[in-house]
Amino acid sequence: EKLASDKSAKILLLCNPHNPAGRVWTKDELTAIADICKRHDV
């Protein structure tokens, strides 16, 4: 949230599923990302 609020932040480069952490992000996690990026127009 803090990083997305930076006015110069234009893109979040997401890895879904994540390499190298091996995570398959859940729907809830992805929804939280989408909500944050929507609020800050990222």
PDB file of all heavy atoms in Angstrom:
ATOM      1  N   GLU A   1       0.838  -1.210   0.000  1.00  0.00           N
ATOM      2  CA  GLU A   1       0.000   0.000   0.000  1.00  0.00           C
ATOM      3  C   GLU A   1       0.868   1.252   0.000  1.00  0.00           C
ATOM      4  O   GLU A   1       0.613   2.212  -0.736  1.00  0.00           O
ATOM      5  CB  GLU A   1      -0.917  -0.004   1.227  1.00  0.00           C
ATOM      6  CG  GLU A   1      -1.870   1.164   1.318  1.00  0.00           C
ATOM      7  CD  GLU A   1      -3.237   0.870   0.706  1.00  0.00           C
ATOM      8  OE1 GLU A   1      -3.807  -0.185   0.988  1.00  0.00           O
ATOM      9  OE2 GLU A   1      -3.727   1.731  -0.061  1.00  0.00           O
ATOM     10  N   LYS A   2       1.905   1.231   0.821  1.00  0.00           N
ATOM     11  CA  LYS A   2       2.803   2.386   0.904  1.00  0.00           C
ATOM     12  C   LYS A   2       3.501   2.628  -0.436  1.00  0.00           C
ATOM     13  O   LYS A   2       3.574   3.774  -0.917  1.00  0.00           O
ATOM     14  CB  LYS A   2       3.840   2.147   2.005  1.00  0.00           C
ATOM     15  CG  LYS A   2       4.860   3.256   2.159  1.00  0.00           C
ATOM     16  CD  LYS A   2       5.876   2.907   3.246  1.00  0.00           C
ATOM     17  CE  LYS A   2       6.961   3.972   3.333  1.00  0.00           C
ATOM     18  NZ  LYS A   2       7.981   3.607   4.361  1.00  0.00           N
ATOM     19  N   LEU A   3       4.033   1.580  -1.044  1.00  0.00           N
ATOM     20  CA  LEU A   3       4.748   1.735  -2.313  1.00  0.00           C
ATOM     21  C   LEU A   3       3.797   2.162  -3.428  1.00  0.00           C
ATOM     22  O   LEU A   3       4.149   3.005  -4.270  1.00  0.00           O
ATOM     23  CB  LEU A   3       5.433   0.420  -2.696  1.00  0.00           C
ATOM     24  CG  LEU A   3       6.542  -0.067  -1.758  1.00  0.00           C
ATOM     25  CD1 LEU A   3       7.078  -1.417  -2.244  1.00  0.00           C
ATOM     26  CD2 LEU A   3       7.675   0.946  -1.654  1.00  0.00           C
ATOM     27  N   ALA A   4       2.591   1.617  -3.446  1.00  0.00           N
ATOM     28  CA  ALA A   4       1.628   1.959  -4.489  1.00  0.00           C
ATOM     29  C   ALA A   4       1.166   3.404  -4.384  1.00  0.00           C
ATOM     30  O   ALA A   4       0.753   4.005  -5.388  1.00  0.00           O
ATOM     31  CB  ALA A   4       0.432   1.010  -4.424  1.00  0.00           C
ATOM     32  N   SER A   5       1.237   3.975  -3.184  1.00  0.00           N
ATOM     33  CA  SER A   5       0.803   5.362  -2.998  1.00  0.00           C
ATOM     34  C   SER A   5       1.807   6.375  -3.541  1.00  0.00           C
ATOM     35  O   SER A   5       1.496   7.562  -3.655  1.00  0.00           O
ATOM     36  CB  SER A   5       0.550   5.638  -1.509  1.00  0.00           C
ATOM     37  OG  SER A   5       1.771   5.619  -0.769  1.00  0.00           O
ATOM     38  N   ASP A   6       3.017   5.906  -3.880  1.00  0.00           N
ATOM     39  CA  ASP A   6       4.017   6.771  -4.500  1.00  0.00           C
ATOM     40  C   ASP A   6       3.494   7.194  -5.881  1.00  0.00           C
ATOM     41  O   ASP A   6       3.189   6.350  -6.726  1.00  0.00           O
ATOM     42  CB  ASP A   6       5.335   6.004  -4.643  1.00  0.00           C
ATOM     43  CG  ASP A   6       6.491   6.855  -5.154  1.00  0.00           C
ATOM     44  OD1 ASP A   6       6.246   7.764  -5.965  1.00  0.00           O
ATOM     45  OD2 ASP A   6       7.636   6.577  -4.765  1.00  0.00           O
ATOM     46  N   LYS A   7       3.388   8.484  -6.107  1.00  0.00           N
ATOM     47  CA  LYS A   7       2.805   8.993  -7.350  1.00  0.00           C
ATOM     48  C   LYS A   7       3.595   8.567  -8.585  1.00  0.00           C
ATOM     49  O   LYS A   7       3.074   8.560  -9.701  1.00  0.00           O
ATOM     50  CB  LYS A   7       2.709  10.522  -7.305  1.00  0.00           C
ATOM     51  CG  LYS A   7       1.789  11.064  -6.211  1.00  0.00           C
ATOM     52  CD  LYS A   7       0.368  10.564  -6.389  1.00  0.00           C
ATOM     53  CE  LYS A   7      -0.559  11.133  -5.316  1.00  0.00           C
ATOM     54  NZ  LYS A   7      -1.919  10.538  -5.409  1.00  0.00           N
ATOM     55  N   SER A   8       4.854   8.200  -8.399  1.00  0.00           N
ATOM     56  CA  SER A   8       5.678   7.759  -9.531  1.00  0.00           C
ATOM     57  C   SER A   8       5.540   6.272  -9.815  1.00  0.00           C
ATOM     58  O   SER A   8       6.070   5.782 -10.812  1.00  0.00           O
ATOM     59  CB  SER A   8       7.152   8.091  -9.264  1.00  0.00           C
ATOM     60  OG  SER A   8       7.334   9.488  -9.184  1.00  0.00           O
ATOM     61  N   ALA A   9       4.849   5.541  -8.931  1.00  0.00           N
ATOM     62  CA  ALA A   9       4.659   4.107  -9.132  1.00  0.00           C
ATOM     63  C   ALA A   9       3.560   3.895 -10.169  1.00  0.00           C
ATOM     64  O   ALA A   9       2.409   4.255  -9.952  1.00  0.00           O
ATOM     65  CB  ALA A   9       4.306   3.424  -7.822  1.00  0.00           C
ATOM     66  N   LYS A  10       3.916   3.304 -11.293  1.00  0.00           N
ATOM     67  CA  LYS A  10       2.963   3.145 -12.396  1.00  0.00           C
ATOM     68  C   LYS A  10       2.530   1.702 -12.620  1.00  0.00           C
ATOM     69  O   LYS A  10       1.434   1.457 -13.118  1.00  0.00           O
ATOM     70  CB  LYS A  10       3.580   3.678 -13.696  1.00  0.00           C
ATOM     71  CG  LYS A  10       4.010   5.140 -13.620  1.00  0.00           C
ATOM     72  CD  LYS A  10       2.846   6.058 -13.296  1.00  0.00           C
ATOM     73  CE  LYS A  10       3.301   7.524 -13.244  1.00  0.00           C
ATOM     74  NZ  LYS A  10       2.203   8.413 -12.838  1.00  0.00           N
ATOM     75  N   ILE A  11       3.411   0.742 -12.278  1.00  0.00           N
ATOM     76  CA  ILE A  11       3.136  -0.669 -12.558  1.00  0.00           C
ATOM     77  C   ILE A  11       3.533  -1.522 -11.357  1.00  0.00           C
ATOM     78  O   ILE A  11       4.558  -1.273 -10.720  1.00  0.00           O
ATOM     79  CB  ILE A  11       3.920  -1.143 -13.802  1.00  0.00           C
ATOM     80  CG1 ILE A  11       3.340  -0.523 -15.082  1.00  0.00           C
ATOM     81  CG2 ILE A  11       3.931  -2.662 -13.929  1.00  0.00           C
ATOM     82  CD1 ILE A  11       4.122  -0.877 -16.341  1.00  0.00           C
ATOM     83  N   LEU A  12       2.707  -2.525 -11.058  1.00  0.00           N
ATOM     84  CA  LEU A  12       3.119  -3.629 -10.193  1.00  0.00           C
ATOM     85  C   LEU A  12       3.360  -4.820 -11.100  1.00  0.00           C
ATOM     86  O   LEU A  12       2.454  -5.286 -11.799  1.00  0.00           O
ATOM     87  CB  LEU A  12       2.027  -3.965  -9.177  1.00  0.00           C
ATOM     88  CG  LEU A  12       2.196  -5.310  -8.447  1.00  0.00           C
ATOM     89  CD1 LEU A  12       3.466  -5.338  -7.610  1.00  0.00           C
ATOM     90  CD2 LEU A  12       0.985  -5.635  -7.593  1.00  0.00           C
ATOM     91  N   LEU A  13       4.579  -5.309 -11.114  1.00  0.00           N
ATOM     92  CA  LEU A  13       4.956  -6.469 -11.916  1.00  0.00           C
ATOM     93  C   LEU A  13       4.765  -7.706 -11.044  1.00  0.00           C
ATOM     94  O   LEU A  13       5.564  -7.989 -10.152  1.00  0.00           O
ATOM     95  CB  LEU A  13       6.386  -6.315 -12.414  1.00  0.00           C
ATOM     96  CG  LEU A  13       6.983  -7.407 -13.305  1.00  0.00           C
ATOM     97  CD1 LEU A  13       6.006  -7.889 -14.359  1.00  0.00           C
ATOM     98  CD2 LEU A  13       8.270  -6.914 -13.945  1.00  0.00           C
ATOM     99  N   LEU A  14       3.685  -8.425 -11.296  1.00  0.00           N
ATOM    100  CA  LEU A  14       3.269  -9.561 -10.487  1.00  0.00           C
ATOM    101  C   LEU A  14       3.723 -10.864 -11.127  1.00  0.00           C
ATOM    102  O   LEU A  14       3.694 -11.007 -12.351  1.00  0.00           O
ATOM    103  CB  LEU A  14       1.738  -9.542 -10.365  1.00  0.00           C
ATOM    104  CG  LEU A  14       1.067 -10.688  -9.614  1.00  0.00           C
ATOM    105  CD1 LEU A  14       1.411 -10.650  -8.130  1.00  0.00           C
ATOM    106  CD2 LEU A  14      -0.451 -10.622  -9.817  1.00  0.00           C
ATOM    107  N   CYS A  15       4.108 -11.833 -10.303  1.00  0.00           N
ATOM    108  CA  CYS A  15       4.462 -13.179 -10.769  1.00  0.00           C
ATOM    109  C   CYS A  15       3.426 -14.140 -10.194  1.00  0.00           C
ATOM    110  O   CYS A  15       3.380 -14.350  -8.980  1.00  0.00           O
ATOM    111  CB  CYS A  15       5.867 -13.524 -10.279  1.00  0.00           C
ATOM    112  SG  CYS A  15       6.694 -14.825 -11.193  1.00  0.00           S
ATOM    113  N   ASN A  16       2.568 -14.704 -11.054  1.00  0.00           N
ATOM    114  CA  ASN A  16       1.411 -15.477 -10.612  1.00  0.00           C
ATOM    115  C   ASN A  16       1.238 -16.718 -11.493  1.00  0.00           C
ATOM    116  O   ASN A  16       0.764 -16.592 -12.627  1.00  0.00           O
ATOM    117  CB  ASN A  16       0.144 -14.605 -10.691  1.00  0.00           C
ATOM    118  CG  ASN A  16      -1.130 -15.369 -10.390  1.00  0.00           C
ATOM    119  OD1 ASN A  16      -1.172 -16.173  -9.476  1.00  0.00           O
ATOM    120  ND2 ASN A  16      -2.186 -15.121 -11.169  1.00  0.00           N
ATOM    121  N   PRO A  17       1.661 -17.920 -10.993  1.00  0.00           N
ATOM    122  CA  PRO A  17       2.312 -18.265  -9.725  1.00  0.00           C
ATOM    123  C   PRO A  17       3.724 -17.678  -9.626  1.00  0.00           C
ATOM    124  O   PRO A  17       4.306 -17.300 -10.637  1.00  0.00           O
ATOM    125  CB  PRO A  17       2.355 -19.791  -9.763  1.00  0.00           C
ATOM    126  CG  PRO A  17       1.287 -20.202 -10.730  1.00  0.00           C
ATOM    127  CD  PRO A  17       1.305 -19.136 -11.771  1.00  0.00           C
ATOM    128  N   HIS A  18       4.229 -17.678  -8.375  1.00  0.00           N
ATOM    129  CA  HIS A  18       5.448 -16.921  -8.110  1.00  0.00           C
ATOM    130  C   HIS A  18       6.707 -17.767  -8.258  1.00  0.00           C
ATOM    131  O   HIS A  18       6.829 -18.851  -7.674  1.00  0.00           O
ATOM    132  CB  HIS A  18       5.408 -16.332  -6.701  1.00  0.00           C
ATOM    133  CG  HIS A  18       6.467 -15.299  -6.477  1.00  0.00           C
ATOM    134  ND1 HIS A  18       6.265 -13.968  -6.717  1.00  0.00           N
ATOM    135  CD2 HIS A  18       7.749 -15.405  -6.075  1.00  0.00           C
ATOM    136  CE1 HIS A  18       7.365 -13.293  -6.450  1.00  0.00           C
ATOM    137  NE2 HIS A  18       8.292 -14.145  -6.065  1.00  0.00           N
ATOM    138  N   ASN A  19       7.632 -17.255  -9.034  1.00  0.00           N
ATOM    139  CA  ASN A  19       8.976 -17.802  -9.210  1.00  0.00           C
ATOM    140  C   ASN A  19       9.946 -16.819  -8.564  1.00  0.00           C
ATOM    141  O   ASN A  19       9.964 -15.652  -8.950  1.00  0.00           O
ATOM    142  CB  ASN A  19       9.263 -17.939 -10.709  1.00  0.00           C
ATOM    143  CG  ASN A  19      10.710 -18.248 -11.046  1.00  0.00           C
ATOM    144  OD1 ASN A  19      11.474 -18.691 -10.212  1.00  0.00           O
ATOM    145  ND2 ASN A  19      11.091 -17.984 -12.288  1.00  0.00           N
ATOM    146  N   PRO A  20      10.723 -17.244  -7.538  1.00  0.00           N
ATOM    147  CA  PRO A  20      11.036 -18.614  -7.120  1.00  0.00           C
ATOM    148  C   PRO A  20      10.346 -19.085  -5.839  1.00  0.00           C
ATOM    149  O   PRO A  20      10.681 -20.165  -5.349  1.00  0.00           O
ATOM    150  CB  PRO A  20      12.539 -18.525  -6.876  1.00  0.00           C
ATOM    151  CG  PRO A  20      12.712 -17.161  -6.280  1.00  0.00           C
ATOM    152  CD  PRO A  20      11.709 -16.283  -6.996  1.00  0.00           C
ATOM    153  N   ALA A  21       9.422 -18.314  -5.277  1.00  0.00           N
ATOM    154  CA  ALA A  21       8.890 -18.659  -3.955  1.00  0.00           C
ATOM    155  C   ALA A  21       7.918 -19.833  -3.990  1.00  0.00           C
ATOM    156  O   ALA A  21       7.557 -20.360  -2.940  1.00  0.00           O
ATOM    157  CB  ALA A  21       8.200 -17.441  -3.329  1.00  0.00           C
ATOM    158  N   GLY A  22       7.476 -20.245  -5.188  1.00  0.00           N
ATOM    159  CA  GLY A  22       6.622 -21.414  -5.291  1.00  0.00           C
ATOM    160  C   GLY A  22       5.184 -21.207  -4.869  1.00  0.00           C
ATOM    161  O   GLY A  22       4.421 -22.173  -4.777  1.00  0.00           O
ATOM    162  N   ARG A  23       4.788 -19.954  -4.618  1.00  0.00           N
ATOM    163  CA  ARG A  23       3.417 -19.681  -4.185  1.00  0.00           C
ATOM    164  C   ARG A  23       2.459 -19.605  -5.373  1.00  0.00           C
ATOM    165  O   ARG A  23       2.774 -19.041  -6.412  1.00  0.00           O
ATOM    166  CB  ARG A  23       3.343 -18.343  -3.439  1.00  0.00           C
ATOM    167  CG  ARG A  23       3.760 -18.363  -1.971  1.00  0.00           C
ATOM    168  CD  ARG A  23       2.878 -19.251  -1.105  1.00  0.00           C
ATOM    169  NE  ARG A  23       1.469 -19.115  -1.393  1.00  0.00           N
ATOM    170  CZ  ARG A  23       0.682 -18.139  -0.913  1.00  0.00           C
ATOM    171  NH1 ARG A  23       1.191 -17.228  -0.094  1.00  0.00           N
ATOM    172  NH2 ARG A  23      -0.597 -18.093  -1.213  1.00  0.00           N
ATOM    173  N   VAL A  24       1.266 -20.144  -5.174  1.00  0.00           N
ATOM    174  CA  VAL A  24       0.140 -19.921  -6.072  1.00  0.00           C
ATOM    175  C   VAL A  24      -0.786 -18.981  -5.314  1.00  0.00           C
ATOM    176  O   VAL A  24      -1.450 -19.376  -4.358  1.00  0.00           O
ATOM    177  CB  VAL A  24      -0.573 -21.243  -6.415  1.00  0.00           C
ATOM    178  CG1 VAL A  24      -1.806 -20.983  -7.282  1.00  0.00           C
ATOM    179  CG2 VAL A  24       0.385 -22.188  -7.137  1.00  0.00           C
ATOM    180  N   TRP A  25      -0.793 -17.739  -5.713  1.00  0.00           N
ATOM    181  CA  TRP A  25      -1.548 -16.730  -4.962  1.00  0.00           C
ATOM    182  C   TRP A  25      -3.034 -17.074  -4.967  1.00  0.00           C
ATOM    183  O   TRP A  25      -3.601 -17.469  -5.986  1.00  0.00           O
ATOM    184  CB  TRP A  25      -1.323 -15.331  -5.530  1.00  0.00           C
ATOM    185  CG  TRP A  25       0.117 -14.925  -5.606  1.00  0.00           C
ATOM    186  CD1 TRP A  25       0.815 -14.590  -6.723  1.00  0.00           C
ATOM    187  CD2 TRP A  25       1.040 -14.810  -4.510  1.00  0.00           C
ATOM    188  NE1 TRP A  25       2.120 -14.286  -6.402  1.00  0.00           N
ATOM    189  CE2 TRP A  25       2.288 -14.402  -5.055  1.00  0.00           C
ATOM    190  CE3 TRP A  25       0.941 -15.007  -3.133  1.00  0.00           C
ATOM    191  CZ2 TRP A  25       3.413 -14.192  -4.258  1.00  0.00           C
ATOM    192  CZ3 TRP A  25       2.062 -14.801  -2.346  1.00  0.00           C
ATOM    193  CH2 TRP A  25       3.285 -14.400  -2.908  1.00  0.00           C
ATOM    194  N   THR A  26      -3.669 -16.920  -3.812  1.00  0.00           N
ATOM    195  CA  THR A  26      -5.097 -17.226  -3.686  1.00  0.00           C
ATOM    196  C   THR A  26      -5.934 -16.090  -4.276  1.00  0.00           C
ATOM    197  O   THR A  26      -5.450 -14.979  -4.509  1.00  0.00           O
ATOM    198  CB  THR A  26      -5.486 -17.408  -2.218  1.00  0.00           C
ATOM    199  OG1 THR A  26      -5.330 -16.152  -1.530  1.00  0.00           O
ATOM    200  CG2 THR A  26      -4.622 -18.473  -1.547  1.00  0.00           C
ATOM    201  N   LYS A  27      -7.198 -16.402  -4.486  1.00  0.00           N
ATOM    202  CA  LYS A  27      -8.124 -15.382  -4.985  1.00  0.00           C
ATOM    203  C   LYS A  27      -8.186 -14.198  -4.031  1.00  0.00           C
ATOM    204  O   LYS A  27      -8.217 -13.038  -4.460  1.00  0.00           O
ATOM    205  CB  LYS A  27      -9.514 -15.986  -5.175  1.00  0.00           C
ATOM    206  CG  LYS A  27     -10.521 -15.016  -5.780  1.00  0.00           C
ATOM    207  CD  LYS A  27     -11.854 -15.694  -6.029  1.00  0.00           C
ATOM    208  CE  LYS A  27     -12.846 -14.703  -6.653  1.00  0.00           C
ATOM    209  NZ  LYS A  27     -14.164 -15.357  -6.904  1.00  0.00           N
ATOM    210  N   ASP A  28      -8.194 -14.468  -2.720  1.00  0.00           N
ATOM    211  CA  ASP A  28      -8.245 -13.376  -1.739  1.00  0.00           C
ATOM    212  C   ASP A  28      -6.987 -12.506  -1.803  1.00  0.00           C
ATOM    213  O   ASP A  28      -7.067 -11.277  -1.711  1.00  0.00           O
ATOM    214  CB  ASP A  28      -8.408 -13.938  -0.321  1.00  0.00           C
ATOM    215  CG  ASP A  28      -9.812 -14.477  -0.071  1.00  0.00           C
ATOM    216  OD1 ASP A  28     -10.728 -14.182  -0.874  1.00  0.00           O
ATOM    217  OD2 ASP A  28      -9.991 -15.214   0.929  1.00  0.00           O
ATOM    218  N   GLU A  29      -5.829 -13.137  -1.945  1.00  0.00           N
ATOM    219  CA  GLU A  29      -4.583 -12.365  -2.042  1.00  0.00           C
ATOM    220  C   GLU A  29      -4.569 -11.506  -3.301  1.00  0.00           C
ATOM    221  O   GLU A  29      -4.185 -10.324  -3.263  1.00  0.00           O
ATOM    222  CB  GLU A  29      -3.380 -13.309  -2.034  1.00  0.00           C
ATOM    223  CG  GLU A  29      -3.101 -13.937  -0.681  1.00  0.00           C
ATOM    224  CD  GLU A  29      -2.067 -15.036  -0.744  1.00  0.00           C
ATOM    225  OE1 GLU A  29      -2.112 -15.864  -1.674  1.00  0.00           O
ATOM    226  OE2 GLU A  29      -1.197 -15.089   0.159  1.00  0.00           O
ATOM    227  N   LEU A  30      -5.000 -12.079  -4.410  1.00  0.00           N
ATOM    228  CA  LEU A  30      -5.017 -11.324  -5.666  1.00  0.00           C
ATOM    229  C   LEU A  30      -6.045 -10.205  -5.612  1.00  0.00           C
ATOM    230  O   LEU A  30      -5.819  -9.111  -6.164  1.00  0.00           O
ATOM    231  CB  LEU A  30      -5.307 -12.269  -6.833  1.00  0.00           C
ATOM    232  CG  LEU A  30      -4.229 -13.314  -7.118  1.00  0.00           C
ATOM    233  CD1 LEU A  30      -4.694 -14.267  -8.210  1.00  0.00           C
ATOM    234  CD2 LEU A  30      -2.911 -12.657  -7.526  1.00  0.00           C
ATOM    235  N   THR A  31      -7.157 -10.454  -4.946  1.00  0.00           N
ATOM    236  CA  THR A  31      -8.170  -9.399  -4.791  1.00  0.00           C
ATOM    237  C   THR A  31      -7.623  -8.244  -3.970  1.00  0.00           C
ATOM    238  O   THR A  31      -7.861  -7.067  -4.295  1.00  0.00           O
ATOM    239  CB  THR A  31      -9.437  -9.972  -4.131  1.00  0.00           C
ATOM    240  OG1 THR A  31      -9.983 -10.998  -4.972  1.00  0.00           O
ATOM    241  CG2 THR A  31     -10.491  -8.888  -3.918  1.00  0.00           C
ATOM    242  N   ALA A  32      -6.878  -8.551  -2.916  1.00  0.00           N
ATOM    243  CA  ALA A  32      -6.267  -7.487  -2.103  1.00  0.00           C
ATOM    244  C   ALA A  32      -5.277  -6.673  -2.923  1.00  0.00           C
ATOM    245  O   ALA A  32      -5.216  -5.438  -2.808  1.00  0.00           O
ATOM    246  CB  ALA A  32      -5.585  -8.094  -0.883  1.00  0.00           C
ATOM    247  N   ILE A  33      -4.493  -7.338  -3.783  1.00  0.00           N
ATOM    248  CA  ILE A  33      -3.578  -6.624  -4.679  1.00  0.00           C
ATOM    249  C   ILE A  33      -4.362  -5.721  -5.609  1.00  0.00           C
ATOM    250  O   ILE A  33      -4.013  -4.539  -5.810  1.00  0.00           O
ATOM    251  CB  ILE A  33      -2.742  -7.633  -5.496  1.00  0.00           C
ATOM    252  CG1 ILE A  33      -1.745  -8.359  -4.594  1.00  0.00           C
ATOM    253  CG2 ILE A  33      -2.002  -6.929  -6.638  1.00  0.00           C
ATOM    254  CD1 ILE A  33      -1.030  -9.509  -5.284  1.00  0.00           C
ATOM    255  N   ALA A  34      -5.421  -6.255  -6.212  1.00  0.00           N
ATOM    256  CA  ALA A  34      -6.224  -5.472  -7.158  1.00  0.00           C
ATOM    257  C   ALA A  34      -6.845  -4.252  -6.487  1.00  0.00           C
ATOM    258  O   ALA A  34      -6.877  -3.157  -7.073  1.00  0.00           O
ATOM    259  CB  ALA A  34      -7.316  -6.353  -7.767  1.00  0.00           C
ATOM    260  N   ASP A  35      -7.326  -4.424  -5.261  1.00  0.00           N
ATOM    261  CA  ASP A  35      -7.938  -3.302  -4.542  1.00  0.00           C
ATOM    262  C   ASP A  35      -6.925  -2.192  -4.271  1.00  0.00           C
ATOM    263  O   ASP A  35      -7.217  -0.998  -4.445  1.00  0.00           O
ATOM    264  CB  ASP A  35      -8.545  -3.784  -3.221  1.00  0.00           C
ATOM    265  CG  ASP A  35      -9.812  -4.616  -3.419  1.00  0.00           C
ATOM    266  OD1 ASP A  35     -10.407  -4.520  -4.510  1.00  0.00           O
ATOM    267  OD2 ASP A  35     -10.181  -5.360  -2.491  1.00  0.00           O
ATOM    268  N   ILE A  36      -5.725  -2.578  -3.826  1.00  0.00           N
ATOM    269  CA  ILE A  36      -4.680  -1.579  -3.561  1.00  0.00           C
ATOM    270  C   ILE A  36      -4.303  -0.844  -4.838  1.00  0.00           C
ATOM    271  O   ILE A  36      -4.201   0.385  -4.876  1.00  0.00           O
ATOM    272  CB  ILE A  36      -3.444  -2.258  -2.936  1.00  0.00           C
ATOM    273  CG1 ILE A  36      -3.748  -2.705  -1.500  1.00  0.00           C
ATOM    274  CG2 ILE A  36      -2.228  -1.314  -2.954  1.00  0.00           C
ATOM    275  CD1 ILE A  36      -2.664  -3.571  -0.886  1.00  0.00           C
ATOM    276  N   CYS A  37      -4.089  -1.591  -5.914  1.00  0.00           N
ATOM    277  CA  CYS A  37      -3.648  -0.979  -7.167  1.00  0.00           C
ATOM    278  C   CYS A  37      -4.750  -0.129  -7.796  1.00  0.00           C
ATOM    279  O   CYS A  37      -4.466   0.895  -8.427  1.00  0.00           O
ATOM    280  CB  CYS A  37      -3.155  -2.050  -8.128  1.00  0.00           C
ATOM    281  SG  CYS A  37      -1.597  -2.791  -7.571  1.00  0.00           S
ATOM    282  N   LYS A  38      -5.995  -0.534  -7.613  1.00  0.00           N
ATOM    283  CA  LYS A  38      -7.117   0.288  -8.081  1.00  0.00           C
ATOM    284  C   LYS A  38      -7.143   1.624  -7.352  1.00  0.00           C
ATOM    285  O   LYS A  38      -7.295   2.693  -7.971  1.00  0.00           O
ATOM    286  CB  LYS A  38      -8.425  -0.483  -7.857  1.00  0.00           C
ATOM    287  CG  LYS A  38      -9.691   0.363  -7.874  1.00  0.00           C
ATOM    288  CD  LYS A  38      -9.964   0.975  -9.232  1.00  0.00           C
ATOM    289  CE  LYS A  38     -11.315   1.699  -9.200  1.00  0.00           C
ATOM    290  NZ  LYS A  38     -11.556   2.472 -10.428  1.00  0.00           N
ATOM    291  N   ARG A  39      -6.972   1.595  -6.028  1.00  0.00           N
ATOM    292  CA  ARG A  39      -7.015   2.832  -5.235  1.00  0.00           C
ATOM    293  C   ARG A  39      -5.946   3.826  -5.670  1.00  0.00           C
ATOM    294  O   ARG A  39      -6.162   5.038  -5.641  1.00  0.00           O
ATOM    295  CB  ARG A  39      -6.834   2.516  -3.740  1.00  0.00           C
ATOM    296  CG  ARG A  39      -8.074   2.081  -3.039  1.00  0.00           C
ATOM    297  CD  ARG A  39      -7.938   2.184  -1.535  1.00  0.00           C
ATOM    298  NE  ARG A  39      -6.894   1.335  -0.981  1.00  0.00           N
ATOM    299  CZ  ARG A  39      -7.061   0.051  -0.702  1.00  0.00           C
ATOM    300  NH1 ARG A  39      -8.214  -0.542  -0.962  1.00  0.00           N
ATOM    301  NH2 ARG A  39      -6.077  -0.665  -0.178  1.00  0.00           N
ATOM    302  N   HIS A  40      -4.786   3.308  -6.068  1.00  0.00           N
ATOM    303  CA  HIS A  40      -3.652   4.185  -6.371  1.00  0.00           C
ATOM    304  C   HIS A  40      -3.363   4.273  -7.872  1.00  0.00           C
ATOM    305  O   HIS A  40      -2.339   4.834  -8.267  1.00  0.00           O
ATOM    306  CB  HIS A  40      -2.419   3.700  -5.615  1.00  0.00           C
ATOM    307  CG  HIS A  40      -2.601   3.710  -4.126  1.00  0.00           C
ATOM    308  ND1 HIS A  40      -2.674   4.886  -3.404  1.00  0.00           N
ATOM    309  CD2 HIS A  40      -2.760   2.695  -3.231  1.00  0.00           C
ATOM    310  CE1 HIS A  40      -2.848   4.595  -2.108  1.00  0.00           C
ATOM    311  NE2 HIS A  40      -2.904   3.276  -1.987  1.00  0.00           N
ATOM    312  N   ASP A  41      -4.273   3.758  -8.677  1.00  0.00           N
ATOM    313  CA  ASP A  41      -4.159   3.805 -10.143  1.00  0.00           C
ATOM    314  C   ASP A  41      -2.815   3.231 -10.618  1.00  0.00           C
ATOM    315  O   ASP A  41      -2.123   3.818 -11.460  1.00  0.00           O
ATOM    316  CB  ASP A  41      -4.340   5.236 -10.659  1.00  0.00           C
ATOM    317  CG  ASP A  41      -4.599   5.272 -12.166  1.00  0.00           C
ATOM    318  OD1 ASP A  41      -5.145   4.281 -12.684  1.00  0.00           O
ATOM    319  OD2 ASP A  41      -4.245   6.270 -12.816  1.00  0.00           O
ATOM    320  N   VAL A  42      -2.457   2.081 -10.071  1.00  0.00           N
ATOM    321  CA  VAL A  42      -1.265   1.341 -10.495  1.00  0.00           C
ATOM    322  C   VAL A  42      -1.722   0.186 -11.392  1.00  0.00           C
ATOM    323  O   VAL A  42      -2.628  -0.571 -11.017  1.00  0.00           O
ATOM    324  CB  VAL A  42      -0.481   0.808  -9.278  1.00  0.00           C
ATOM    325  CG1 VAL A  42       0.643  -0.129  -9.721  1.00  0.00           C
ATOM    326  CG2 VAL A  42       0.073   1.965  -8.456  1.00  0.00           C
TER     327      VAL A  42
END
